Amino acid sequence: MSNEERPVSAKKHNLIMEDRAVLNVTGVIDVSGFDDEKILLTTQKGELTVGGYSLHINKFSQETGELDLDGEICSLSYTETKQSEGGFFSKLFR
């Protein structure tokens, strides 16, 4: 797919972590929820959960899709939001 064919709204999704204390994320669509131990992000590549302690969002721009956070980062976990591929029987008879 050439650059001309890509949708303008598509943003690259990158994670840059420094010393498990600073995380820079691009391609963020929305912050679904947050507290000092968990931050839930909607990204171009699925739902991203950041787990840790004393987590703090320093900057979030929905226009650019950039988010910066700090704290003690213990885990990064993706959950894909897939469309239904059919019911039980469609999986059974593949």
C-alpha atoms as a PDB file:
ATOM      1  CA  MET A   1       0.000   0.000   0.000  1.00  0.00           C
ATOM      2  CA  SER A   2       1.587   3.298  -1.050  1.00  0.00           C
ATOM      3  CA  ASN A   3       1.486   6.474   1.025  1.00  0.00           C
ATOM      4  CA  GLU A   4      -1.148   7.894  -1.316  1.00  0.00           C
ATOM      5  CA  GLU A   5      -3.504   4.969  -0.612  1.00  0.00           C
ATOM      6  CA  ARG A   6      -3.202   5.129   3.189  1.00  0.00           C
ATOM      7  CA  PRO A   7      -5.958   6.873   5.069  1.00  0.00           C
ATOM      8  CA  VAL A   8      -4.890  10.243   6.439  1.00  0.00           C
ATOM      9  CA  SER A   9      -6.121   9.337   9.950  1.00  0.00           C
ATOM     10  CA  ALA A  10      -3.823   6.263  10.201  1.00  0.00           C
ATOM     11  CA  LYS A  11      -1.058   6.935  12.719  1.00  0.00           C
ATOM     12  CA  LYS A  12       1.927   4.764  13.462  1.00  0.00           C
ATOM     13  CA  HIS A  13       1.820   2.945  16.774  1.00  0.00           C
ATOM     14  CA  ASN A  14       5.083   2.851  18.714  1.00  0.00           C
ATOM     15  CA  LEU A  15       6.132   2.224  22.298  1.00  0.00           C
ATOM     16  CA  ILE A  16       9.360   3.604  23.719  1.00  0.00           C
ATOM     17  CA  MET A  17      10.145   2.654  27.314  1.00  0.00           C
ATOM     18  CA  GLU A  18      13.083   3.982  29.303  1.00  0.00           C
ATOM     19  CA  ASP A  19      14.235   2.083  32.416  1.00  0.00           C
ATOM     20  CA  ARG A  20      10.691   0.783  33.070  1.00  0.00           C
ATOM     21  CA  ALA A  21       9.941   4.257  34.405  1.00  0.00           C
ATOM     22  CA  VAL A  22       9.001   6.366  31.362  1.00  0.00           C
ATOM     23  CA  LEU A  23       6.762   5.272  28.487  1.00  0.00           C
ATOM     24  CA  ASN A  24       6.067   7.185  25.273  1.00  0.00           C
ATOM     25  CA  VAL A  25       3.238   5.811  23.129  1.00  0.00           C
ATOM     26  CA  THR A  26       2.130   6.957  19.669  1.00  0.00           C
ATOM     27  CA  GLY A  27      -0.976   5.897  17.772  1.00  0.00           C
ATOM     28  CA  VAL A  28      -3.209   6.382  20.823  1.00  0.00           C
ATOM     29  CA  ILE A  29      -6.852   6.989  19.974  1.00  0.00           C
ATOM     30  CA  ASP A  30      -8.259   7.401  23.486  1.00  0.00           C
ATOM     31  CA  VAL A  31      -7.565   6.898  27.186  1.00  0.00           C
ATOM     32  CA  SER A  32     -10.335   4.556  28.351  1.00  0.00           C
ATOM     33  CA  GLY A  33      -9.502   4.726  32.040  1.00  0.00           C
ATOM     34  CA  PHE A  34      -6.688   5.275  34.471  1.00  0.00           C
ATOM     35  CA  ASP A  35      -5.608   5.229  38.072  1.00  0.00           C
ATOM     36  CA  ASP A  36      -2.203   5.002  39.755  1.00  0.00           C
ATOM     37  CA  GLU A  37      -1.907   1.235  39.058  1.00  0.00           C
ATOM     38  CA  LYS A  38      -3.503   0.805  35.602  1.00  0.00           C
ATOM     39  CA  ILE A  39      -3.918   2.864  32.436  1.00  0.00           C
ATOM     40  CA  LEU A  40      -6.246   1.615  29.682  1.00  0.00           C
ATOM     41  CA  LEU A  41      -5.507   2.923  26.194  1.00  0.00           C
ATOM     42  CA  THR A  42      -7.241   2.454  22.865  1.00  0.00           C
ATOM     43  CA  THR A  43      -4.539   2.334  20.181  1.00  0.00           C
ATOM     44  CA  GLN A  44      -4.312   1.722  16.450  1.00  0.00           C
ATOM     45  CA  LYS A  45      -3.355  -1.900  17.243  1.00  0.00           C
ATOM     46  CA  GLY A  46      -5.926  -2.741  19.930  1.00  0.00           C
ATOM     47  CA  GLU A  47      -6.525  -2.108  23.603  1.00  0.00           C
ATOM     48  CA  LEU A  48      -3.321  -1.585  25.604  1.00  0.00           C
ATOM     49  CA  THR A  49      -3.220  -1.969  29.377  1.00  0.00           C
ATOM     50  CA  VAL A  50      -0.239  -0.503  31.229  1.00  0.00           C
ATOM     51  CA  GLY A  51       0.124  -1.892  34.746  1.00  0.00           C
ATOM     52  CA  GLY A  52       2.366  -0.662  37.513  1.00  0.00           C
ATOM     53  CA  TYR A  53       2.633   1.624  40.520  1.00  0.00           C
ATOM     54  CA  SER A  54       2.486   5.412  40.864  1.00  0.00           C
ATOM     55  CA  LEU A  55       1.534   5.736  37.187  1.00  0.00           C
ATOM     56  CA  HIS A  56       1.004   9.291  36.005  1.00  0.00           C
ATOM     57  CA  ILE A  57       0.010  10.609  32.566  1.00  0.00           C
ATOM     58  CA  ASN A  58       2.205  13.608  31.824  1.00  0.00           C
ATOM     59  CA  LYS A  59       0.904  14.428  28.350  1.00  0.00           C
ATOM     60  CA  PHE A  60      -1.845  13.171  26.052  1.00  0.00           C
ATOM     61  CA  SER A  61      -2.791  14.693  22.716  1.00  0.00           C
ATOM     62  CA  GLN A  62      -5.739  13.116  20.962  1.00  0.00           C
ATOM     63  CA  GLU A  63      -4.934  15.164  17.844  1.00  0.00           C
ATOM     64  CA  THR A  64      -1.423  13.716  17.437  1.00  0.00           C
ATOM     65  CA  GLY A  65      -2.098  10.397  19.212  1.00  0.00           C
ATOM     66  CA  GLU A  66       0.883  10.836  21.560  1.00  0.00           C
ATOM     67  CA  LEU A  67       0.892   9.911  25.235  1.00  0.00           C
ATOM     68  CA  ASP A  68       3.713  10.200  27.774  1.00  0.00           C
ATOM     69  CA  LEU A  69       3.549   8.599  31.193  1.00  0.00           C
ATOM     70  CA  ASP A  70       5.852   7.796  34.070  1.00  0.00           C
ATOM     71  CA  GLY A  71       5.867   5.591  37.155  1.00  0.00           C
ATOM     72  CA  GLU A  72       6.963   2.051  37.942  1.00  0.00           C
ATOM     73  CA  ILE A  73       5.871   0.100  34.839  1.00  0.00           C
ATOM     74  CA  CYS A  74       5.342  -3.608  35.523  1.00  0.00           C
ATOM     75  CA  SER A  75       3.336  -4.825  32.525  1.00  0.00           C
ATOM     76  CA  LEU A  76       2.127  -3.998  29.032  1.00  0.00           C
ATOM     77  CA  SER A  77      -0.729  -6.098  27.693  1.00  0.00           C
ATOM     78  CA  TYR A  78      -2.702  -5.945  24.439  1.00  0.00           C
ATOM     79  CA  THR A  79      -6.268  -7.092  23.964  1.00  0.00           C
ATOM     80  CA  GLU A  80      -7.456  -7.146  20.385  1.00  0.00           C
ATOM     81  CA  THR A  81     -10.973  -6.072  19.634  1.00  0.00           C
ATOM     82  CA  LYS A  82     -11.891  -8.557  16.922  1.00  0.00           C
ATOM     83  CA  GLN A  83     -15.209  -8.685  15.175  1.00  0.00           C
ATOM     84  CA  SER A  84     -17.184 -11.827  15.748  1.00  0.00           C
ATOM     85  CA  GLU A  85     -16.075 -14.625  13.448  1.00  0.00           C
ATOM     86  CA  GLY A  86     -19.304 -16.517  13.906  1.00  0.00           C
ATOM     87  CA  GLY A  87     -20.715 -18.608  16.673  1.00  0.00           C
ATOM     88  CA  PHE A  88     -19.743 -21.814  18.320  1.00  0.00           C
ATOM     89  CA  PHE A  89     -20.671 -23.999  15.322  1.00  0.00           C
ATOM     90  CA  SER A  90     -18.628 -21.968  12.816  1.00  0.00           C
ATOM     91  CA  LYS A  91     -15.524 -22.555  14.955  1.00  0.00           C
ATOM     92  CA  LEU A  92     -16.388 -26.205  15.446  1.00  0.00           C
ATOM     93  CA  PHE A  93     -16.711 -26.972  11.713  1.00  0.00           C
ATOM     94  CA  ARG A  94     -13.549 -25.254  10.414  1.00  0.00           C
END
